C-alpha cells in the first residue's frame, strides 16, 4: 500500500545456520527512487545488517553466517 509502513519480525533465536533475507518487487522497479520513496532495513541480534530500496525484481542478503562457512554468492537482480 502506497505510503504505508510495514514491519515484520521473525524469531530465529533457537535456529542456527546461515540465513537469507530476500525482498521481492513484482513491478521490477524496487521500492525507492524514481517510483517512490520506500526502503527496508534488515536487523539481526540487535545489529544493522543491510538497508536499501534500489533494486529490480529482488535483492538477497545472507546473514548470521559463521565466518568459516563457505556460501555461494547469492545473485541479486542488481548484479551485472
PDB file of N, CA and C in Angstrom:
ATOM      1  N   UNK A   1       0.844  -1.169   0.000  1.00  0.00           N
ATOM      2  CA  UNK A   1       0.000   0.000   0.000  1.00  0.00           C
ATOM      3  C   UNK A   1       0.888   1.231   0.000  1.00  0.00           C
ATOM      4  N   UNK A   2       0.617   2.145  -0.869  1.00  0.00           N
ATOM      5  CA  UNK A   2       1.411   3.355  -1.012  1.00  0.00           C
ATOM      6  C   UNK A   2       1.376   4.196   0.257  1.00  0.00           C
ATOM      7  N   UNK A   3       2.541   4.622   0.713  1.00  0.00           N
ATOM      8  CA  UNK A   3       2.644   5.486   1.876  1.00  0.00           C
ATOM      9  C   UNK A   3       2.541   4.774   3.210  1.00  0.00           C
ATOM     10  N   UNK A   4       2.347   3.467   3.207  1.00  0.00           N
ATOM     11  CA  UNK A   4       2.183   2.711   4.449  1.00  0.00           C
ATOM     12  C   UNK A   4       3.520   2.187   4.956  1.00  0.00           C
ATOM     13  N   UNK A   5       3.597   1.996   6.257  1.00  0.00           N
ATOM     14  CA  UNK A   5       4.763   1.378   6.873  1.00  0.00           C
ATOM     15  C   UNK A   5       4.390  -0.042   7.257  1.00  0.00           C
ATOM     16  N   UNK A   6       5.254  -0.975   6.929  1.00  0.00           N
ATOM     17  CA  UNK A   6       5.027  -2.380   7.295  1.00  0.00           C
ATOM     18  C   UNK A   6       6.246  -2.879   8.051  1.00  0.00           C
ATOM     19  N   UNK A   7       6.010  -3.682   9.058  1.00  0.00           N
ATOM     20  CA  UNK A   7       7.116  -4.225   9.847  1.00  0.00           C
ATOM     21  C   UNK A   7       6.839  -5.700  10.098  1.00  0.00           C
ATOM     22  N   UNK A   8       7.858  -6.534   9.868  1.00  0.00           N
ATOM     23  CA  UNK A   8       7.757  -7.960  10.127  1.00  0.00           C
ATOM     24  C   UNK A   8       8.875  -8.354  11.064  1.00  0.00           C
ATOM     25  N   UNK A   9       8.543  -9.204  11.999  1.00  0.00           N
ATOM     26  CA  UNK A   9       9.534  -9.714  12.934  1.00  0.00           C
ATOM     27  C   UNK A   9       9.403 -11.232  12.964  1.00  0.00           C
ATOM     28  N   UNK A  10      10.530 -11.913  12.863  1.00  0.00           N
ATOM     29  CA  UNK A  10      10.535 -13.374  12.888  1.00  0.00           C
ATOM     30  C   UNK A  10      11.614 -13.820  13.859  1.00  0.00           C
ATOM     31  N   UNK A  11      11.286 -14.656  14.805  1.00  0.00           N
ATOM     32  CA  UNK A  11      12.237 -15.100  15.819  1.00  0.00           C
ATOM     33  C   UNK A  11      13.106 -16.233  15.269  1.00  0.00           C
ATOM     34  N   UNK A  12      14.415 -16.038  15.297  1.00  0.00           N
ATOM     35  CA  UNK A  12      15.373 -17.047  14.834  1.00  0.00           C
ATOM     36  C   UNK A  12      16.272 -17.514  15.972  1.00  0.00           C
ATOM     37  N   UNK A  13      15.919 -17.198  17.198  1.00  0.00           N
ATOM     38  CA  UNK A  13      16.799 -17.439  18.338  1.00  0.00           C
ATOM     39  C   UNK A  13      17.199 -18.901  18.518  1.00  0.00           C
ATOM     40  N   UNK A  14      16.302 -19.839  18.291  1.00  0.00           N
ATOM     41  CA  UNK A  14      16.617 -21.244  18.519  1.00  0.00           C
ATOM     42  C   UNK A  14      17.112 -21.938  17.262  1.00  0.00           C
ATOM     43  N   UNK A  15      17.271 -21.209  16.196  1.00  0.00           N
ATOM     44  CA  UNK A  15      17.738 -21.783  14.946  1.00  0.00           C
ATOM     45  C   UNK A  15      19.180 -21.368  14.721  1.00  0.00           C
ATOM     46  N   UNK A  16      19.958 -22.265  14.163  1.00  0.00           N
ATOM     47  CA  UNK A  16      21.352 -21.955  13.863  1.00  0.00           C
ATOM     48  C   UNK A  16      21.566 -22.072  12.364  1.00  0.00           C
ATOM     49  N   UNK A  17      22.572 -21.392  11.899  1.00  0.00           N
ATOM     50  CA  UNK A  17      22.922 -21.511  10.498  1.00  0.00           C
ATOM     51  C   UNK A  17      23.023 -20.171   9.821  1.00  0.00           C
ATOM     52  N   UNK A  18      23.112 -20.242   8.540  1.00  0.00           N
ATOM     53  CA  UNK A  18      23.211 -19.067   7.695  1.00  0.00           C
ATOM     54  C   UNK A  18      21.830 -18.802   7.112  1.00  0.00           C
ATOM     55  N   UNK A  19      21.341 -17.584   7.248  1.00  0.00           N
ATOM     56  CA  UNK A  19      20.014 -17.234   6.778  1.00  0.00           C
ATOM     57  C   UNK A  19      20.119 -16.320   5.564  1.00  0.00           C
ATOM     58  N   UNK A  20      19.064 -16.305   4.773  1.00  0.00           N
ATOM     59  CA  UNK A  20      18.998 -15.436   3.604  1.00  0.00           C
ATOM     60  C   UNK A  20      17.706 -14.633   3.676  1.00  0.00           C
ATOM     61  N   UNK A  21      17.846 -13.314   3.653  1.00  0.00           N
ATOM     62  CA  UNK A  21      16.699 -12.418   3.559  1.00  0.00           C
ATOM     63  C   UNK A  21      16.575 -12.020   2.096  1.00  0.00           C
ATOM     64  N   UNK A  22      15.377 -12.193   1.523  1.00  0.00           N
ATOM     65  CA  UNK A  22      15.132 -11.780   0.145  1.00  0.00           C
ATOM     66  C   UNK A  22      13.892 -10.910   0.109  1.00  0.00           C
ATOM     67  N   UNK A  23      14.026  -9.769  -0.538  1.00  0.00           N
ATOM     68  CA  UNK A  23      12.895  -8.873  -0.742  1.00  0.00           C
ATOM     69  C   UNK A  23      12.575  -8.880  -2.235  1.00  0.00           C
ATOM     70  N   UNK A  24      11.296  -8.997  -2.560  1.00  0.00           N
ATOM     71  CA  UNK A  24      10.836  -9.068  -3.949  1.00  0.00           C
ATOM     72  C   UNK A  24       9.997  -7.841  -4.282  1.00  0.00           C
ATOM     73  N   UNK A  25      10.025  -7.448  -5.555  1.00  0.00           N
ATOM     74  CA  UNK A  25       9.149  -6.396  -6.049  1.00  0.00           C
ATOM     75  C   UNK A  25       8.530  -6.880  -7.347  1.00  0.00           C
ATOM     76  N   UNK A  26       7.235  -7.093  -7.346  1.00  0.00           N
ATOM     77  CA  UNK A  26       6.552  -7.655  -8.517  1.00  0.00           C
ATOM     78  C   UNK A  26       6.567  -6.717  -9.723  1.00  0.00           C
ATOM     79  N   UNK A  27       6.770  -5.435  -9.503  1.00  0.00           N
ATOM     80  CA  UNK A  27       6.828  -4.486 -10.617  1.00  0.00           C
ATOM     81  C   UNK A  27       8.213  -4.422 -11.250  1.00  0.00           C
ATOM     82  N   UNK A  28       9.223  -4.954 -10.547  1.00  0.00           N
ATOM     83  CA  UNK A  28      10.578  -4.976 -11.095  1.00  0.00           C
ATOM     84  C   UNK A  28      11.300  -3.649 -11.049  1.00  0.00           C
ATOM     85  N   UNK A  29      10.846  -2.736 -10.190  1.00  0.00           N
ATOM     86  CA  UNK A  29      11.485  -1.423 -10.149  1.00  0.00           C
ATOM     87  C   UNK A  29      11.924  -1.028  -8.736  1.00  0.00           C
ATOM     88  N   UNK A  30      12.039  -2.000  -7.836  1.00  0.00           N
ATOM     89  CA  UNK A  30      12.459  -1.690  -6.477  1.00  0.00           C
ATOM     90  C   UNK A  30      11.381  -0.939  -5.725  1.00  0.00           C
ATOM     91  N   UNK A  31      11.771  -0.375  -4.590  1.00  0.00           N
ATOM     92  CA  UNK A  31      10.773   0.318  -3.769  1.00  0.00           C
ATOM     93  C   UNK A  31      11.159   1.765  -3.477  1.00  0.00           C
ATOM     94  N   UNK A  32      12.119   2.279  -4.228  1.00  0.00           N
ATOM     95  CA  UNK A  32      12.501   3.676  -3.998  1.00  0.00           C
ATOM     96  C   UNK A  32      12.768   4.398  -5.303  1.00  0.00           C
ATOM     97  N   UNK A  33      13.269   5.533  -5.121  1.00  0.00           N
ATOM     98  CA  UNK A  33      13.876   6.343  -6.175  1.00  0.00           C
ATOM     99  C   UNK A  33      12.847   6.871  -7.157  1.00  0.00           C
ATOM    100  N   UNK A  34      12.927   6.469  -8.413  1.00  0.00           N
ATOM    101  CA  UNK A  34      12.042   7.006  -9.446  1.00  0.00           C
ATOM    102  C   UNK A  34      10.583   6.601  -9.252  1.00  0.00           C
ATOM    103  N   UNK A  35      10.335   5.556  -8.456  1.00  0.00           N
ATOM    104  CA  UNK A  35       8.973   5.019  -8.342  1.00  0.00           C
ATOM    105  C   UNK A  35       8.434   5.109  -6.915  1.00  0.00           C
ATOM    106  N   UNK A  36       8.969   5.984  -6.104  1.00  0.00           N
ATOM    107  CA  UNK A  36       8.508   6.144  -4.735  1.00  0.00           C
ATOM    108  C   UNK A  36       9.682   6.366  -3.812  1.00  0.00           C
ATOM    109  N   UNK A  37       9.420   6.433  -2.527  1.00  0.00           N
ATOM    110  CA  UNK A  37      10.496   6.685  -1.575  1.00  0.00           C
ATOM    111  C   UNK A  37      10.539   5.606  -0.495  1.00  0.00           C
ATOM    112  N   UNK A  38      10.249   4.380  -0.871  1.00  0.00           N
ATOM    113  CA  UNK A  38      10.280   3.261   0.071  1.00  0.00           C
ATOM    114  C   UNK A  38      11.694   2.790   0.365  1.00  0.00           C
ATOM    115  N   UNK A  39      11.821   2.044   1.446  1.00  0.00           N
ATOM    116  CA  UNK A  39      13.116   1.465   1.819  1.00  0.00           C
ATOM    117  C   UNK A  39      12.869   0.312   2.777  1.00  0.00           C
ATOM    118  N   UNK A  40      13.919  -0.463   3.039  1.00  0.00           N
ATOM    119  CA  UNK A  40      13.827  -1.523   4.032  1.00  0.00           C
ATOM    120  C   UNK A  40      15.086  -1.522   4.881  1.00  0.00           C
ATOM    121  N   UNK A  41      14.968  -2.085   6.072  1.00  0.00           N
ATOM    122  CA  UNK A  41      16.098  -2.235   6.987  1.00  0.00           C
ATOM    123  C   UNK A  41      16.062  -3.662   7.509  1.00  0.00           C
ATOM    124  N   UNK A  42      17.205  -4.349   7.465  1.00  0.00           N
ATOM    125  CA  UNK A  42      17.340  -5.700   7.997  1.00  0.00           C
ATOM    126  C   UNK A  42      18.230  -5.634   9.228  1.00  0.00           C
ATOM    127  N   UNK A  43      17.692  -6.106  10.355  1.00  0.00           N
ATOM    128  CA  UNK A  43      18.458  -6.150  11.601  1.00  0.00           C
ATOM    129  C   UNK A  43      18.417  -7.573  12.137  1.00  0.00           C
ATOM    130  N   UNK A  44      19.518  -7.976  12.772  1.00  0.00           N
ATOM    131  CA  UNK A  44      19.594  -9.308  13.373  1.00  0.00           C
ATOM    132  C   UNK A  44      20.410  -9.224  14.647  1.00  0.00           C
ATOM    133  N   UNK A  45      19.872  -9.757  15.717  1.00  0.00           N
ATOM    134  CA  UNK A  45      20.565  -9.792  17.007  1.00  0.00           C
ATOM    135  C   UNK A  45      21.014  -8.395  17.438  1.00  0.00           C
ATOM    136  N   UNK A  46      20.158  -7.418  17.178  1.00  0.00           N
ATOM    137  CA  UNK A  46      20.446  -6.044  17.577  1.00  0.00           C
ATOM    138  C   UNK A  46      21.429  -5.314  16.679  1.00  0.00           C
ATOM    139  N   UNK A  47      21.818  -5.931  15.570  1.00  0.00           N
ATOM    140  CA  UNK A  47      22.797  -5.314  14.669  1.00  0.00           C
ATOM    141  C   UNK A  47      22.157  -4.973  13.333  1.00  0.00           C
ATOM    142  N   UNK A  48      22.571  -3.853  12.797  1.00  0.00           N
ATOM    143  CA  UNK A  48      22.137  -3.413  11.470  1.00  0.00           C
ATOM    144  C   UNK A  48      22.875  -4.258  10.428  1.00  0.00           C
ATOM    145  N   UNK A  49      22.134  -4.978   9.589  1.00  0.00           N
ATOM    146  CA  UNK A  49      22.736  -5.855   8.578  1.00  0.00           C
ATOM    147  C   UNK A  49      22.746  -5.179   7.206  1.00  0.00           C
ATOM    148  N   UNK A  50      21.614  -4.651   6.790  1.00  0.00           N
ATOM    149  CA  UNK A  50      21.511  -4.085   5.442  1.00  0.00           C
ATOM    150  C   UNK A  50      20.298  -3.174   5.382  1.00  0.00           C
ATOM    151  N   UNK A  51      20.362  -2.210   4.506  1.00  0.00           N
ATOM    152  CA  UNK A  51      19.204  -1.387   4.188  1.00  0.00           C
ATOM    153  C   UNK A  51      19.245  -1.075   2.711  1.00  0.00           C
ATOM    154  N   UNK A  52      18.125  -0.758   2.156  1.00  0.00           N
ATOM    155  CA  UNK A  52      18.103  -0.461   0.738  1.00  0.00           C
ATOM    156  C   UNK A  52      16.718  -0.152   0.238  1.00  0.00           C
ATOM    157  N   UNK A  53      16.586  -0.196  -1.052  1.00  0.00           N
ATOM    158  CA  UNK A  53      15.333   0.086  -1.727  1.00  0.00           C
ATOM    159  C   UNK A  53      15.528   0.119  -3.227  1.00  0.00           C
ATOM    160  N   UNK A  54      16.778   0.370  -3.651  1.00  0.00           N
ATOM    161  CA  UNK A  54      17.107   0.427  -5.073  1.00  0.00           C
ATOM    162  C   UNK A  54      17.533  -0.961  -5.544  1.00  0.00           C
ATOM    163  N   UNK A  55      16.616  -1.671  -6.155  1.00  0.00           N
ATOM    164  CA  UNK A  55      16.887  -2.972  -6.742  1.00  0.00           C
ATOM    165  C   UNK A  55      15.843  -3.172  -7.837  1.00  0.00           C
ATOM    166  N   UNK A  56      15.933  -4.269  -8.544  1.00  0.00           N
ATOM    167  CA  UNK A  56      14.962  -4.525  -9.602  1.00  0.00           C
ATOM    168  C   UNK A  56      13.915  -5.520  -9.101  1.00  0.00           C
ATOM    169  N   UNK A  57      13.977  -6.759  -9.525  1.00  0.00           N
ATOM    170  CA  UNK A  57      12.979  -7.761  -9.141  1.00  0.00           C
ATOM    171  C   UNK A  57      13.124  -8.230  -7.696  1.00  0.00           C
ATOM    172  N   UNK A  58      14.366  -8.346  -7.227  1.00  0.00           N
ATOM    173  CA  UNK A  58      14.606  -8.830  -5.866  1.00  0.00           C
ATOM    174  C   UNK A  58      16.014  -8.461  -5.431  1.00  0.00           C
ATOM    175  N   UNK A  59      16.249  -8.600  -4.131  1.00  0.00           N
ATOM    176  CA  UNK A  59      17.585  -8.419  -3.573  1.00  0.00           C
ATOM    177  C   UNK A  59      17.712  -9.408  -2.411  1.00  0.00           C
ATOM    178  N   UNK A  60      18.833 -10.110  -2.343  1.00  0.00           N
ATOM    179  CA  UNK A  60      19.060 -11.110  -1.295  1.00  0.00           C
ATOM    180  C   UNK A  60      20.307 -10.774  -0.497  1.00  0.00           C
ATOM    181  N   UNK A  61      20.253 -11.064   0.802  1.00  0.00           N
ATOM    182  CA  UNK A  61      21.374 -10.812   1.706  1.00  0.00           C
ATOM    183  C   UNK A  61      21.513 -11.985   2.666  1.00  0.00           C
ATOM    184  N   UNK A  62      22.702 -12.560   2.754  1.00  0.00           N
ATOM    185  CA  UNK A  62      22.991 -13.592   3.754  1.00  0.00           C
ATOM    186  C   UNK A  62      23.308 -12.913   5.078  1.00  0.00           C
ATOM    187  N   UNK A  63      22.907 -13.544   6.185  1.00  0.00           N
ATOM    188  CA  UNK A  63      23.268 -13.003   7.491  1.00  0.00           C
ATOM    189  C   UNK A  63      23.336 -14.134   8.511  1.00  0.00           C
ATOM    190  N   UNK A  64      23.977 -13.865   9.622  1.00  0.00           N
ATOM    191  CA  UNK A  64      24.172 -14.813  10.727  1.00  0.00           C
ATOM    192  C   UNK A  64      25.025 -15.998  10.312  1.00  0.00           C
ATOM    193  N   UNK A  65      25.866 -15.822   9.316  1.00  0.00           N
ATOM    194  CA  UNK A  65      26.732 -16.906   8.843  1.00  0.00           C
ATOM    195  C   UNK A  65      27.998 -16.934   9.689  1.00  0.00           C
ATOM    196  N   UNK A  66      28.438 -18.137  10.015  1.00  0.00           N
ATOM    197  CA  UNK A  66      29.720 -18.278  10.704  1.00  0.00           C
ATOM    198  C   UNK A  66      30.817 -17.839   9.748  1.00  0.00           C
ATOM    199  N   UNK A  67      31.870 -17.264  10.286  1.00  0.00           N
ATOM    200  CA  UNK A  67      32.954 -16.751   9.438  1.00  0.00           C
ATOM    201  C   UNK A  67      33.573 -17.828   8.565  1.00  0.00           C
ATOM    202  N   UNK A  68      33.606 -19.078   9.042  1.00  0.00           N
ATOM    203  CA  UNK A  68      34.250 -20.137   8.274  1.00  0.00           C
ATOM    204  C   UNK A  68      33.288 -20.857   7.334  1.00  0.00           C
ATOM    205  N   UNK A  69      31.998 -20.474   7.336  1.00  0.00           N
ATOM    206  CA  UNK A  69      31.048 -21.082   6.410  1.00  0.00           C
ATOM    207  C   UNK A  69      31.322 -20.556   5.013  1.00  0.00           C
ATOM    208  N   UNK A  70      31.326 -21.437   4.063  1.00  0.00           N
ATOM    209  CA  UNK A  70      31.504 -21.012   2.683  1.00  0.00           C
ATOM    210  C   UNK A  70      30.167 -21.139   1.988  1.00  0.00           C
ATOM    211  N   UNK A  71      29.703 -20.038   1.489  1.00  0.00           N
ATOM    212  CA  UNK A  71      28.425 -19.986   0.791  1.00  0.00           C
ATOM    213  C   UNK A  71      28.669 -19.465  -0.606  1.00  0.00           C
ATOM    214  N   UNK A  72      27.930 -20.028  -1.566  1.00  0.00           N
ATOM    215  CA  UNK A  72      27.981 -19.450  -2.901  1.00  0.00           C
ATOM    216  C   UNK A  72      27.335 -18.087  -2.843  1.00  0.00           C
ATOM    217  N   UNK A  73      27.837 -17.169  -3.653  1.00  0.00           N
ATOM    218  CA  UNK A  73      27.265 -15.828  -3.682  1.00  0.00           C
ATOM    219  C   UNK A  73      25.829 -15.930  -4.181  1.00  0.00           C
ATOM    220  N   UNK A  74      24.942 -15.318  -3.460  1.00  0.00           N
ATOM    221  CA  UNK A  74      23.540 -15.303  -3.837  1.00  0.00           C
ATOM    222  C   UNK A  74      23.353 -14.190  -4.847  1.00  0.00           C
ATOM    223  N   UNK A  75      22.811 -14.525  -6.026  1.00  0.00           N
ATOM    224  CA  UNK A  75      22.646 -13.481  -7.037  1.00  0.00           C
ATOM    225  C   UNK A  75      21.600 -12.466  -6.618  1.00  0.00           C
ATOM    226  N   UNK A  76      21.859 -11.240  -6.965  1.00  0.00           N
ATOM    227  CA  UNK A  76      20.892 -10.172  -6.748  1.00  0.00           C
ATOM    228  C   UNK A  76      20.503  -9.650  -8.110  1.00  0.00           C
ATOM    229  N   UNK A  77      19.320  -9.147  -8.228  1.00  0.00           N
ATOM    230  CA  UNK A  77      18.892  -8.617  -9.521  1.00  0.00           C
ATOM    231  C   UNK A  77      19.689  -7.379  -9.890  1.00  0.00           C
ATOM    232  N   UNK A  78      20.474  -6.821  -8.953  1.00  0.00           N
ATOM    233  CA  UNK A  78      21.294  -5.652  -9.270  1.00  0.00           C
ATOM    234  C   UNK A  78      22.703  -6.070  -9.694  1.00  0.00           C
ATOM    235  N   UNK A  79      23.035  -7.382  -9.601  1.00  0.00           N
ATOM    236  CA  UNK A  79      24.355  -7.854 -10.055  1.00  0.00           C
ATOM    237  C   UNK A  79      24.414  -7.777 -11.578  1.00  0.00           C
ATOM    238  N   UNK A  80      25.595  -7.425 -12.100  1.00  0.00           N
ATOM    239  CA  UNK A  80      25.730  -7.383 -13.564  1.00  0.00           C
ATOM    240  C   UNK A  80      26.461  -8.586 -14.060  1.00  0.00           C
TER     241      UNK A  80
END
